[in-house]
Each structure stands twice: as C-alpha cells, then as structure tokens.
Amino acid sequence: MRSRTRGGDMSRRMWVLTAAALVPVVAVGCASMRKMKPEEAIEARQKLMKEQGEAWKQIQEKTKAGDVAAVVPEAEKLVQTSKEIPRLFPEGSLDPKKSAAKPEIWAKWSDFESAAKNLQTQSEKLRDTAKTGNAAATQQVVQTFGRQACGTCHTPFRVPPKQS
C-alpha cells in the first residue's frame, strides 16, 4: 500500500492547479505567434487583461483567506501572461473606440516593454514569496503589487476608466 504524505498531496495539487491555470495562457500565446490584424490584437489583449484581472482577484481572495498555496498558480498565470503583452500591441492596433490603449505605447515602446517586464518580475516575486508558505510576506507583496506592477503600465499607457 502506498503511503501518501501531506507534502506529496500538496505538490500534486500545486502541479494540477498550475497546469490548469496555464491553459488560457498557452491559447493566447499561440494566437499571438502569427501576425494579427489590429482588431484581433485588441480582442486578444483585452482577453488577456481580463484573465490577469481574474487571476489578481483570486490572488487577493486567497491571500485574505490565508490560502497562500493557492496564490502560486494564479501568480504563475500573471508571470506567463505578462510575457505576451508586448506581442499583443502591434503597431497600428490603436482604436480609441475599442481600446483604452494610449498612443504613448508606440511612441515610448522601450518604456512599455520595460513595464511589461516589470509586471513579469513582480509576478515572479509574488509567486516565489507565496511558494515559501509565508502568509505575512505574501500579504506584503500583494499590498504593493497593484502600484508596483500593474500601475507602471496602466498609469502612463492606458486611458483611465471613466468614473461613474
């Protein structure tokens, strides 16, 4: 009879959760490998941003509940999707009626790429901190993540949402 340790169950659970979290990331990545029409790029990046928003929501909920292990696959999703961001903003894919992207993205392309890379780095930090199981340290990273990760791109490169 095979003995199951708590650590083994946790490792398997983490593997399954991470694999499931990456399915939409791979789909977006495959779509971004070919040259996209502007409307396809807008649709793909909006889908990616919604996936990131959902991952972020899950991270906040799991952190608040003290389920740090469940943060890992969601943070990994952010790591992987952040790598796709520059490819989803091909030149000529600006449409103010359909997208909140600012023209500054293409005028300051290297800054935009740096902001996407920063999101990846901050997401890796969040993932790696959550992997330690330290709830307090994970909470600390979560508290600054929006400003230090998302905000470095959204502030200069996205039209602010309309206030209602």
C-alpha atoms as a PDB file:
ATOM      1  CA  MET A   1       0.000   0.000   0.000  1.00  0.00           C
ATOM      2  CA  ARG A   2       1.338   3.371  -0.973  1.00  0.00           C
ATOM      3  CA  SER A   3       1.690   5.951   1.734  1.00  0.00           C
ATOM      4  CA  ARG A   4       0.627   9.481   0.892  1.00  0.00           C
ATOM      5  CA  THR A   5       2.258  12.326   2.661  1.00  0.00           C
ATOM      6  CA  ARG A   6       0.749  15.720   3.033  1.00  0.00           C
ATOM      7  CA  GLY A   7       3.671  17.184   1.111  1.00  0.00           C
ATOM      8  CA  GLY A   8       3.098  14.782  -1.799  1.00  0.00           C
ATOM      9  CA  ASP A   9      -0.580  15.669  -1.968  1.00  0.00           C
ATOM     10  CA  MET A  10       0.284  19.363  -1.867  1.00  0.00           C
ATOM     11  CA  SER A  11       2.866  19.003  -4.639  1.00  0.00           C
ATOM     12  CA  ARG A  12       0.394  17.179  -6.852  1.00  0.00           C
ATOM     13  CA  ARG A  13      -2.303  19.740  -6.102  1.00  0.00           C
ATOM     14  CA  MET A  14       0.067  22.580  -6.986  1.00  0.00           C
ATOM     15  CA  TRP A  15       1.057  20.875 -10.231  1.00  0.00           C
ATOM     16  CA  VAL A  16      -2.581  20.333 -11.254  1.00  0.00           C
ATOM     17  CA  LEU A  17      -3.579  23.900 -10.323  1.00  0.00           C
ATOM     18  CA  THR A  18      -0.611  25.383 -12.173  1.00  0.00           C
ATOM     19  CA  ALA A  19      -1.266  23.293 -15.287  1.00  0.00           C
ATOM     20  CA  ALA A  20      -4.947  24.275 -15.288  1.00  0.00           C
ATOM     21  CA  ALA A  21      -4.059  27.929 -14.823  1.00  0.00           C
ATOM     22  CA  LEU A  22      -1.748  27.897 -17.833  1.00  0.00           C
ATOM     23  CA  VAL A  23      -4.245  26.548 -20.398  1.00  0.00           C
ATOM     24  CA  PRO A  24      -5.621  30.013 -21.309  1.00  0.00           C
ATOM     25  CA  VAL A  25      -2.092  31.431 -21.324  1.00  0.00           C
ATOM     26  CA  VAL A  26      -0.961  28.900 -23.911  1.00  0.00           C
ATOM     27  CA  ALA A  27      -4.019  29.645 -26.043  1.00  0.00           C
ATOM     28  CA  VAL A  28      -3.252  33.376 -26.034  1.00  0.00           C
ATOM     29  CA  GLY A  29       0.419  32.668 -26.728  1.00  0.00           C
ATOM     30  CA  CYS A  30      -0.388  30.539 -29.767  1.00  0.00           C
ATOM     31  CA  ALA A  31      -2.707  33.201 -31.135  1.00  0.00           C
ATOM     32  CA  SER A  32      -0.032  35.851 -30.729  1.00  0.00           C
ATOM     33  CA  MET A  33       2.614  33.941 -32.713  1.00  0.00           C
ATOM     34  CA  ARG A  34       1.182  34.966 -36.074  1.00  0.00           C
ATOM     35  CA  LYS A  35       0.735  38.492 -37.353  1.00  0.00           C
ATOM     36  CA  MET A  36      -2.573  39.754 -36.054  1.00  0.00           C
ATOM     37  CA  LYS A  37      -4.938  42.231 -37.571  1.00  0.00           C
ATOM     38  CA  PRO A  38      -5.470  45.288 -35.331  1.00  0.00           C
ATOM     39  CA  GLU A  39      -8.932  44.145 -34.226  1.00  0.00           C
ATOM     40  CA  GLU A  40      -7.579  40.669 -33.402  1.00  0.00           C
ATOM     41  CA  ALA A  41      -4.782  42.207 -31.335  1.00  0.00           C
ATOM     42  CA  ILE A  42      -7.245  44.372 -29.416  1.00  0.00           C
ATOM     43  CA  GLU A  43      -9.511  41.394 -28.747  1.00  0.00           C
ATOM     44  CA  ALA A  44      -6.588  39.165 -27.690  1.00  0.00           C
ATOM     45  CA  ARG A  45      -5.092  41.719 -25.320  1.00  0.00           C
ATOM     46  CA  GLN A  46      -8.465  42.523 -23.770  1.00  0.00           C
ATOM     47  CA  LYS A  47      -8.970  38.800 -23.174  1.00  0.00           C
ATOM     48  CA  LEU A  48      -5.502  38.556 -21.633  1.00  0.00           C
ATOM     49  CA  MET A  49      -6.148  41.565 -19.377  1.00  0.00           C
ATOM     50  CA  LYS A  50      -9.429  40.007 -18.210  1.00  0.00           C
ATOM     51  CA  GLU A  51      -7.567  36.782 -17.418  1.00  0.00           C
ATOM     52  CA  GLN A  52      -4.999  38.791 -15.489  1.00  0.00           C
ATOM     53  CA  GLY A  53      -7.759  40.653 -13.662  1.00  0.00           C
ATOM     54  CA  GLU A  54      -9.387  37.369 -12.668  1.00  0.00           C
ATOM     55  CA  ALA A  55      -6.027  35.972 -11.510  1.00  0.00           C
ATOM     56  CA  TRP A  56      -5.451  39.124  -9.457  1.00  0.00           C
ATOM     57  CA  LYS A  57      -8.918  38.835  -7.908  1.00  0.00           C
ATOM     58  CA  GLN A  58      -8.194  35.212  -6.964  1.00  0.00           C
ATOM     59  CA  ILE A  59      -4.812  36.194  -5.516  1.00  0.00           C
ATOM     60  CA  GLN A  60      -6.425  38.824  -3.309  1.00  0.00           C
ATOM     61  CA  GLU A  61      -9.177  36.450  -2.157  1.00  0.00           C
ATOM     62  CA  LYS A  62      -6.785  33.565  -1.484  1.00  0.00           C
ATOM     63  CA  THR A  63      -4.345  35.810   0.365  1.00  0.00           C
ATOM     64  CA  LYS A  64      -7.124  37.257   2.512  1.00  0.00           C
ATOM     65  CA  ALA A  65      -8.316  33.722   3.312  1.00  0.00           C
ATOM     66  CA  GLY A  66      -4.768  32.689   4.246  1.00  0.00           C
ATOM     67  CA  ASP A  67      -4.568  30.110   1.433  1.00  0.00           C
ATOM     68  CA  VAL A  68      -1.097  31.106   0.265  1.00  0.00           C
ATOM     69  CA  ALA A  69      -0.539  27.849  -1.647  1.00  0.00           C
ATOM     70  CA  ALA A  70      -3.482  28.719  -3.918  1.00  0.00           C
ATOM     71  CA  VAL A  71      -1.799  32.033  -4.790  1.00  0.00           C
ATOM     72  CA  VAL A  72       1.067  30.249  -6.569  1.00  0.00           C
ATOM     73  CA  PRO A  73      -0.771  29.103  -9.737  1.00  0.00           C
ATOM     74  CA  GLU A  74      -2.557  32.443 -10.069  1.00  0.00           C
ATOM     75  CA  ALA A  75       0.737  34.317  -9.758  1.00  0.00           C
ATOM     76  CA  GLU A  76       2.254  31.938 -12.316  1.00  0.00           C
ATOM     77  CA  LYS A  77      -0.589  32.858 -14.645  1.00  0.00           C
ATOM     78  CA  LEU A  78       0.459  36.515 -14.267  1.00  0.00           C
ATOM     79  CA  VAL A  79       4.090  35.593 -14.946  1.00  0.00           C
ATOM     80  CA  GLN A  80       3.190  33.826 -18.184  1.00  0.00           C
ATOM     81  CA  THR A  81       0.634  36.339 -19.462  1.00  0.00           C
ATOM     82  CA  SER A  82       2.968  39.259 -18.802  1.00  0.00           C
ATOM     83  CA  LYS A  83       5.390  37.744 -21.326  1.00  0.00           C
ATOM     84  CA  GLU A  84       2.697  38.022 -24.005  1.00  0.00           C
ATOM     85  CA  ILE A  85       1.835  41.683 -23.507  1.00  0.00           C
ATOM     86  CA  PRO A  86       4.261  43.328 -25.975  1.00  0.00           C
ATOM     87  CA  ARG A  87       3.229  40.964 -28.803  1.00  0.00           C
ATOM     88  CA  LEU A  88      -0.404  41.923 -28.314  1.00  0.00           C
ATOM     89  CA  PHE A  89       0.305  45.577 -29.043  1.00  0.00           C
ATOM     90  CA  PRO A  90       1.475  45.552 -32.663  1.00  0.00           C
ATOM     91  CA  GLU A  91       1.935  48.949 -34.226  1.00  0.00           C
ATOM     92  CA  GLY A  92      -1.305  50.145 -35.792  1.00  0.00           C
ATOM     93  CA  SER A  93      -3.572  48.450 -33.232  1.00  0.00           C
ATOM     94  CA  LEU A  94      -4.800  51.670 -31.646  1.00  0.00           C
ATOM     95  CA  ASP A  95      -8.573  52.118 -31.746  1.00  0.00           C
ATOM     96  CA  PRO A  96      -9.883  54.576 -29.129  1.00  0.00           C
ATOM     97  CA  LYS A  97     -13.436  53.296 -29.670  1.00  0.00           C
ATOM     98  CA  LYS A  98     -12.486  49.731 -28.716  1.00  0.00           C
ATOM     99  CA  SER A  99      -9.399  50.084 -26.560  1.00  0.00           C
ATOM    100  CA  ALA A 100      -8.061  52.172 -23.693  1.00  0.00           C
ATOM    101  CA  ALA A 101      -4.502  51.899 -25.034  1.00  0.00           C
ATOM    102  CA  LYS A 102      -2.748  55.255 -25.425  1.00  0.00           C
ATOM    103  CA  PRO A 103      -0.588  56.161 -28.435  1.00  0.00           C
ATOM    104  CA  GLU A 104       2.292  56.623 -25.982  1.00  0.00           C
ATOM    105  CA  ILE A 105       2.728  52.835 -26.078  1.00  0.00           C
ATOM    106  CA  TRP A 106       4.259  53.032 -29.531  1.00  0.00           C
ATOM    107  CA  ALA A 107       5.954  56.415 -29.020  1.00  0.00           C
ATOM    108  CA  LYS A 108       7.708  55.074 -25.901  1.00  0.00           C
ATOM    109  CA  TRP A 109       7.982  51.423 -26.886  1.00  0.00           C
ATOM    110  CA  SER A 110      11.051  50.607 -24.784  1.00  0.00           C
ATOM    111  CA  ASP A 111       9.335  52.056 -21.695  1.00  0.00           C
ATOM    112  CA  PHE A 112       6.256  49.969 -22.478  1.00  0.00           C
ATOM    113  CA  GLU A 113       8.345  46.805 -22.846  1.00  0.00           C
ATOM    114  CA  SER A 114      10.087  47.621 -19.563  1.00  0.00           C
ATOM    115  CA  ALA A 115       6.712  47.994 -17.839  1.00  0.00           C
ATOM    116  CA  ALA A 116       5.613  44.575 -19.143  1.00  0.00           C
ATOM    117  CA  LYS A 117       8.913  43.064 -17.985  1.00  0.00           C
ATOM    118  CA  ASN A 118       8.405  44.713 -14.591  1.00  0.00           C
ATOM    119  CA  LEU A 119       4.992  43.035 -14.321  1.00  0.00           C
ATOM    120  CA  GLN A 120       6.680  39.711 -15.031  1.00  0.00           C
ATOM    121  CA  THR A 121       9.370  40.364 -12.403  1.00  0.00           C
ATOM    122  CA  GLN A 122       6.842  41.471  -9.775  1.00  0.00           C
ATOM    123  CA  SER A 123       4.650  38.447 -10.575  1.00  0.00           C
ATOM    124  CA  GLU A 124       7.650  36.135 -10.153  1.00  0.00           C
ATOM    125  CA  LYS A 125       8.356  37.781  -6.800  1.00  0.00           C
ATOM    126  CA  LEU A 126       4.745  37.211  -5.733  1.00  0.00           C
ATOM    127  CA  ARG A 127       4.794  33.595  -6.912  1.00  0.00           C
ATOM    128  CA  ASP A 128       8.117  32.853  -5.231  1.00  0.00           C
ATOM    129  CA  THR A 129       7.042  34.501  -1.983  1.00  0.00           C
ATOM    130  CA  ALA A 130       3.799  32.511  -1.961  1.00  0.00           C
ATOM    131  CA  LYS A 131       5.779  29.310  -2.576  1.00  0.00           C
ATOM    132  CA  THR A 132       7.506  29.817   0.778  1.00  0.00           C
ATOM    133  CA  GLY A 133       4.145  29.492   2.523  1.00  0.00           C
ATOM    134  CA  ASN A 134       4.789  32.685   4.485  1.00  0.00           C
ATOM    135  CA  ALA A 135       1.363  34.345   4.623  1.00  0.00           C
ATOM    136  CA  ALA A 136       2.634  37.633   6.099  1.00  0.00           C
ATOM    137  CA  ALA A 137       5.323  38.042   3.431  1.00  0.00           C
ATOM    138  CA  THR A 138       2.841  37.170   0.681  1.00  0.00           C
ATOM    139  CA  GLN A 139       0.356  39.712   2.046  1.00  0.00           C
ATOM    140  CA  GLN A 140       3.081  42.355   1.996  1.00  0.00           C
ATOM    141  CA  VAL A 141       3.840  41.688  -1.685  1.00  0.00           C
ATOM    142  CA  VAL A 142       0.117  41.692  -2.515  1.00  0.00           C
ATOM    143  CA  GLN A 143      -0.352  45.078  -0.810  1.00  0.00           C
ATOM    144  CA  THR A 144       2.153  46.806  -3.105  1.00  0.00           C
ATOM    145  CA  PHE A 145       1.584  44.747  -6.248  1.00  0.00           C
ATOM    146  CA  GLY A 146      -1.075  46.919  -7.886  1.00  0.00           C
ATOM    147  CA  ARG A 147       1.012  50.070  -7.700  1.00  0.00           C
ATOM    148  CA  GLN A 148       4.406  48.486  -8.380  1.00  0.00           C
ATOM    149  CA  ALA A 149       3.340  46.027 -11.082  1.00  0.00           C
ATOM    150  CA  CYS A 150       0.082  46.980 -12.809  1.00  0.00           C
ATOM    151  CA  GLY A 151       0.381  50.720 -12.241  1.00  0.00           C
ATOM    152  CA  THR A 152       3.730  51.075 -14.016  1.00  0.00           C
ATOM    153  CA  CYS A 153       1.949  50.255 -17.263  1.00  0.00           C
ATOM    154  CA  HIS A 154      -1.629  51.369 -16.681  1.00  0.00           C
ATOM    155  CA  THR A 155      -0.737  54.846 -15.442  1.00  0.00           C
ATOM    156  CA  PRO A 156       1.318  56.010 -18.444  1.00  0.00           C
ATOM    157  CA  PHE A 157      -0.131  53.792 -21.180  1.00  0.00           C
ATOM    158  CA  ARG A 158      -3.858  53.352 -20.521  1.00  0.00           C
ATOM    159  CA  VAL A 159      -6.674  55.868 -20.697  1.00  0.00           C
ATOM    160  CA  PRO A 160      -8.131  55.999 -17.169  1.00  0.00           C
ATOM    161  CA  PRO A 161     -11.524  54.336 -16.811  1.00  0.00           C
ATOM    162  CA  LYS A 162     -14.458  56.732 -16.706  1.00  0.00           C
ATOM    163  CA  GLN A 163     -15.636  57.484 -13.193  1.00  0.00           C
ATOM    164  CA  SER A 164     -19.317  56.749 -12.651  1.00  0.00           C
END
